[in-house]
Amino acid sequence: MKKIALLALGLMSLLLLSSQAVAVEPQGPPSPGVELKFWAMEDTYITERYGNTNYGSEEYLRVRDKQTDTSNLFSRSLLKFDQQDLVNKLAGKQILSASLHLYEYSRDGATSLADEIDLFRVTSDWAENDVTWNTSPTFATQRTAYRTFDGDDTTPGWRKWEDDLINIVQWWIDGVQNNFGLMLENDLDQLYNQMNVKFRSSEYLVPDGSSGIYRPYLKITVIPEPASAILFGIGSGLIGIFTARRRKARS
């Protein structure tokens, strides 16, 4: 009888909580956000001077300002992320932060003055192995984020863009804007002999032949989901059964 009563109590808890969809109140300080990584699905760069050349198989991404008044070597980098993967993992969750990360390994042409690389939302489709400067996708006129590069600090390492990127990711998830990816561009101040920066691309292989170590990625931080009421109710029932069995074994 005790076993049946405890089981009934657990099931009643399950039905009551699931019908009211009551979440368990957190105790103590709020839980930290959960970080998710989304690797670049496609990435490449395009160069004005070689307007019909595709660089989709290169192991690096390039962002470059003018070098001389006649070279026309402007270079932009393009990155795209899997829309279905983003939706599957982020839909319905509250996003706390979003940032883009690329590994810089080479820089030249920069003066001691600081320069910027801007991040823009791409507004038309493109494909890694087809896009060129002359078939370049369109992009938003207002930058999403920027990063200042100090000409005196060229140590290789990860670089981050953040600012308003959280809004772009949320638009993609909600279907407000199509996900055509992101574009990186020097601030185009056109001061000659300025930055020529290279980042590792998804195609880069380390000496042991593995990939992904330096692959560009988005880092999204979300609020973890609270324990569901249904799981709480089931847990209550299982505890009741377990307790009854222990008491029976002792008697």
Protein backbone atom coordinates (compact mmCIF):
# COMPACT_ATOMS: atom_id res chain seq x y z
CA MET A 1 0.00 0.00 0.00
CA LYS A 2 2.82 2.41 0.84
CA LYS A 3 4.45 1.72 -2.53
CA ILE A 4 1.20 2.41 -4.37
CA ALA A 5 0.61 5.59 -2.39
CA LEU A 6 4.07 6.93 -3.11
CA LEU A 7 3.75 6.07 -6.81
CA ALA A 8 0.40 7.81 -6.96
CA LEU A 9 1.91 10.86 -5.30
CA GLY A 10 4.68 11.01 -7.90
CA LEU A 11 2.24 10.63 -10.80
CA MET A 12 -0.01 13.33 -9.35
CA SER A 13 2.99 15.64 -9.19
CA LEU A 14 3.75 14.86 -12.82
CA LEU A 15 0.22 15.59 -14.01
CA LEU A 16 -0.13 18.75 -11.94
CA LEU A 17 3.17 20.27 -12.99
CA SER A 18 2.92 19.33 -16.66
CA SER A 19 -0.61 20.74 -16.93
CA GLN A 20 0.45 24.03 -15.43
CA ALA A 21 3.84 24.12 -17.24
CA VAL A 22 5.52 25.39 -14.12
CA ALA A 23 9.32 25.72 -14.29
CA VAL A 24 11.45 25.01 -11.27
CA GLU A 25 12.70 28.25 -9.77
CA PRO A 26 16.50 28.46 -9.79
CA GLN A 27 18.21 28.59 -6.47
CA GLY A 28 21.17 30.89 -5.77
CA PRO A 29 22.93 32.89 -8.51
CA PRO A 30 21.78 32.42 -12.14
CA SER A 31 23.53 29.74 -14.17
CA PRO A 32 26.26 30.93 -16.56
CA GLY A 33 25.52 30.99 -20.26
CA VAL A 34 26.19 27.97 -22.43
CA GLU A 35 28.69 28.59 -25.25
CA LEU A 36 28.05 27.04 -28.67
CA LYS A 37 30.44 27.09 -31.63
CA PHE A 38 29.36 27.17 -35.26
CA TRP A 39 32.18 26.56 -37.73
CA ALA A 40 32.25 28.36 -41.06
CA MET A 41 30.51 26.23 -43.70
CA GLU A 42 32.00 28.22 -46.61
CA ASP A 43 34.72 30.88 -46.67
CA THR A 44 36.86 32.60 -49.29
CA TYR A 45 38.18 35.99 -50.36
CA ILE A 46 37.85 38.12 -53.49
CA THR A 47 40.29 40.63 -55.00
CA GLU A 48 39.45 43.58 -57.25
CA ARG A 49 42.55 43.37 -59.45
CA TYR A 50 41.84 39.75 -60.35
CA GLY A 51 38.12 40.21 -60.76
CA ASN A 52 37.40 36.86 -62.43
CA THR A 53 39.53 34.69 -60.13
CA ASN A 54 38.01 32.44 -57.48
CA TYR A 55 39.98 31.67 -54.30
CA GLY A 56 37.65 29.16 -52.68
CA SER A 57 40.35 26.48 -52.35
CA GLU A 58 42.91 28.72 -50.66
CA GLU A 59 44.03 27.93 -47.12
CA TYR A 60 43.75 31.56 -46.06
CA LEU A 61 41.38 34.53 -46.12
CA ARG A 62 42.70 37.96 -47.07
CA VAL A 63 41.59 41.50 -46.21
CA ARG A 64 43.61 44.20 -47.92
CA ASP A 65 43.46 47.94 -48.54
CA LYS A 66 45.00 49.72 -51.53
CA GLN A 67 48.74 49.29 -51.92
CA THR A 68 49.39 51.85 -54.64
CA ASP A 69 47.27 54.26 -56.61
CA THR A 70 47.13 51.82 -59.56
CA SER A 71 47.23 48.33 -58.01
CA ASN A 72 43.51 48.02 -57.15
CA LEU A 73 44.30 45.20 -54.75
CA PHE A 74 41.30 45.66 -52.50
CA SER A 75 40.46 42.27 -50.97
CA ARG A 76 37.42 41.21 -48.98
CA SER A 77 36.69 37.99 -47.12
CA LEU A 78 33.37 36.14 -47.12
CA LEU A 79 32.08 33.62 -44.57
CA LYS A 80 28.89 31.60 -44.44
CA PHE A 81 27.38 29.50 -41.63
CA ASP A 82 24.92 26.60 -41.77
CA GLN A 83 21.43 28.05 -41.34
CA GLN A 84 19.80 24.76 -40.34
CA ASP A 85 22.45 24.13 -37.69
CA LEU A 86 21.87 27.59 -36.24
CA VAL A 87 18.10 27.13 -36.15
CA ASN A 88 18.29 23.63 -34.66
CA LYS A 89 20.50 24.73 -31.79
CA LEU A 90 19.31 28.30 -31.16
CA ALA A 91 15.59 28.50 -31.96
CA GLY A 92 13.60 29.42 -28.86
CA LYS A 93 16.67 30.21 -26.79
CA GLN A 94 17.68 33.59 -25.43
CA ILE A 95 21.00 34.68 -26.96
CA LEU A 96 23.31 36.51 -24.58
CA SER A 97 26.19 37.24 -26.95
CA ALA A 98 27.50 36.48 -30.44
CA SER A 99 31.01 36.93 -31.81
CA LEU A 100 33.02 36.02 -34.91
CA HIS A 101 36.51 34.54 -34.45
CA LEU A 102 39.29 34.28 -37.03
CA TYR A 103 42.93 33.29 -36.59
CA GLU A 104 45.32 35.91 -37.96
CA TYR A 105 48.75 34.58 -38.92
CA SER A 106 50.17 37.24 -41.23
CA ARG A 107 50.05 41.02 -41.59
CA ASP A 108 52.09 43.52 -43.56
CA GLY A 109 51.81 46.94 -45.11
CA ALA A 110 50.35 48.51 -41.96
CA THR A 111 51.81 51.66 -40.55
CA SER A 112 52.21 52.34 -36.85
CA LEU A 113 48.77 53.97 -37.01
CA ALA A 114 45.80 51.85 -36.05
CA ASP A 115 43.56 50.62 -38.85
CA GLU A 116 40.18 48.88 -38.85
CA ILE A 117 38.60 45.82 -40.40
CA ASP A 118 34.83 46.11 -40.59
CA LEU A 119 32.23 43.34 -40.53
CA PHE A 120 29.12 43.55 -42.73
CA ARG A 121 26.03 41.42 -43.22
CA VAL A 122 25.87 39.90 -46.73
CA THR A 123 22.53 40.47 -48.46
CA SER A 124 22.67 38.17 -51.51
CA ASP A 125 23.76 34.60 -52.08
CA TRP A 126 27.20 33.35 -53.12
CA ALA A 127 29.11 30.07 -53.33
CA GLU A 128 32.63 29.45 -52.06
CA ASN A 129 33.93 27.83 -55.25
CA ASP A 130 32.26 30.24 -57.69
CA VAL A 131 32.30 33.77 -56.27
CA THR A 132 34.73 36.36 -57.66
CA TRP A 133 35.10 40.11 -57.29
CA ASN A 134 33.06 40.62 -60.45
CA THR A 135 30.26 38.37 -59.14
CA SER A 136 30.49 39.65 -55.58
CA PRO A 137 27.36 39.48 -53.43
CA THR A 138 25.79 42.63 -52.09
CA PHE A 139 26.10 43.60 -48.45
CA ALA A 140 24.59 46.00 -45.94
CA THR A 141 25.78 49.59 -46.09
CA GLN A 142 26.07 49.86 -42.31
CA ARG A 143 28.75 47.79 -40.63
CA THR A 144 27.77 45.28 -37.97
CA ALA A 145 31.04 45.36 -36.05
CA TYR A 146 34.64 46.49 -36.37
CA ARG A 147 38.02 45.64 -34.91
CA THR A 148 40.99 47.97 -34.60
CA PHE A 149 44.36 46.55 -35.65
CA ASP A 150 47.42 48.20 -34.16
CA GLY A 151 50.22 48.37 -36.72
CA ASP A 152 52.79 47.77 -33.97
CA ASP A 153 51.15 44.55 -32.72
CA THR A 154 51.32 41.81 -35.34
CA THR A 155 51.50 38.79 -33.03
CA PRO A 156 49.54 35.86 -34.55
CA GLY A 157 46.39 34.93 -32.70
CA TRP A 158 42.61 34.86 -32.62
CA ARG A 159 40.75 38.06 -33.51
CA LYS A 160 37.16 38.76 -32.49
CA TRP A 161 34.28 40.86 -33.87
CA GLU A 162 31.19 41.35 -31.72
CA ASP A 163 29.26 44.64 -31.36
CA ASP A 164 25.84 44.18 -33.06
CA LEU A 165 26.42 40.64 -34.33
CA ILE A 166 23.89 39.32 -31.82
CA ASN A 167 21.14 41.11 -33.75
CA ILE A 168 22.24 39.58 -37.06
CA VAL A 169 22.18 36.06 -35.61
CA GLN A 170 18.74 36.66 -34.08
CA TRP A 171 17.42 37.89 -37.44
CA TRP A 172 18.70 34.72 -39.10
CA ILE A 173 17.05 32.51 -36.49
CA ASP A 174 13.74 34.38 -36.64
CA GLY A 175 13.73 34.50 -40.44
CA VAL A 176 13.73 38.30 -40.49
CA GLN A 177 16.81 38.33 -42.76
CA ASN A 178 18.22 35.64 -45.03
CA ASN A 179 21.46 34.08 -43.88
CA PHE A 180 23.93 34.83 -46.66
CA GLY A 181 26.82 35.14 -44.24
CA LEU A 182 29.27 37.89 -43.37
CA MET A 183 31.89 39.99 -45.14
CA LEU A 184 35.14 41.47 -43.79
CA GLU A 185 36.59 44.61 -45.34
CA ASN A 186 39.28 47.13 -44.52
CA ASP A 187 37.82 50.54 -43.72
CA LEU A 188 38.82 51.67 -47.22
CA ASP A 189 40.50 54.88 -46.15
CA GLN A 190 42.70 54.24 -49.21
CA LEU A 191 45.90 55.39 -47.57
CA TYR A 192 48.42 53.60 -49.72
CA ASN A 193 50.62 50.80 -48.40
CA GLN A 194 48.21 49.92 -45.62
CA MET A 195 47.06 46.63 -44.16
CA ASN A 196 47.28 43.27 -45.87
CA VAL A 197 45.96 40.73 -43.35
CA LYS A 198 45.68 36.96 -43.73
CA PHE A 199 43.52 34.64 -41.63
CA ARG A 200 43.33 30.85 -41.66
CA SER A 201 40.44 29.48 -43.70
CA SER A 202 38.43 26.28 -43.33
CA GLU A 203 40.71 24.66 -45.93
CA TYR A 204 43.84 25.08 -43.83
CA LEU A 205 45.51 21.85 -42.73
CA VAL A 206 48.06 21.70 -39.92
CA PRO A 207 51.24 19.66 -40.53
CA ASP A 208 49.69 16.43 -39.21
CA GLY A 209 46.97 16.73 -41.85
CA SER A 210 44.10 17.57 -39.51
CA SER A 211 41.78 20.50 -40.05
CA GLY A 212 39.53 22.67 -37.92
CA ILE A 213 42.05 23.89 -35.36
CA TYR A 214 42.17 27.39 -36.87
CA ARG A 215 38.84 27.29 -38.65
CA PRO A 216 36.73 30.49 -38.45
CA TYR A 217 33.74 30.18 -36.17
CA LEU A 218 30.82 31.94 -34.52
CA LYS A 219 30.61 31.71 -30.74
CA ILE A 220 27.06 32.06 -29.45
CA THR A 221 26.26 32.20 -25.74
CA VAL A 222 22.72 31.28 -24.70
CA ILE A 223 20.84 30.99 -21.43
CA PRO A 224 20.58 27.29 -20.51
CA GLU A 225 17.09 25.85 -20.48
CA PRO A 226 15.58 25.37 -16.98
CA ALA A 227 14.68 21.90 -15.78
CA SER A 228 11.33 21.09 -17.33
CA ALA A 229 8.26 20.47 -15.21
CA ILE A 230 7.69 17.10 -16.84
CA LEU A 231 11.13 15.83 -15.91
CA PHE A 232 10.58 17.11 -12.39
CA GLY A 233 7.34 15.20 -12.11
CA ILE A 234 8.87 12.00 -13.48
CA GLY A 235 11.72 12.39 -11.04
CA SER A 236 9.28 12.70 -8.17
CA GLY A 237 7.56 9.47 -9.19
CA LEU A 238 10.82 7.57 -9.55
CA ILE A 239 12.00 8.77 -6.17
CA GLY A 240 8.75 7.53 -4.66
CA ILE A 241 9.19 4.08 -6.22
CA PHE A 242 12.82 3.85 -5.15
CA THR A 243 11.98 4.86 -1.59
CA ALA A 244 9.21 2.30 -1.36
CA ARG A 245 11.50 -0.47 -2.57
CA ARG A 246 14.17 0.44 -0.03
CA ARG A 247 11.65 0.38 2.79
CA LYS A 248 10.30 -2.97 1.61
CA ALA A 249 13.81 -4.41 1.46
CA ARG A 250 14.50 -3.33 5.03
CA SER A 251 11.27 -4.75 6.43
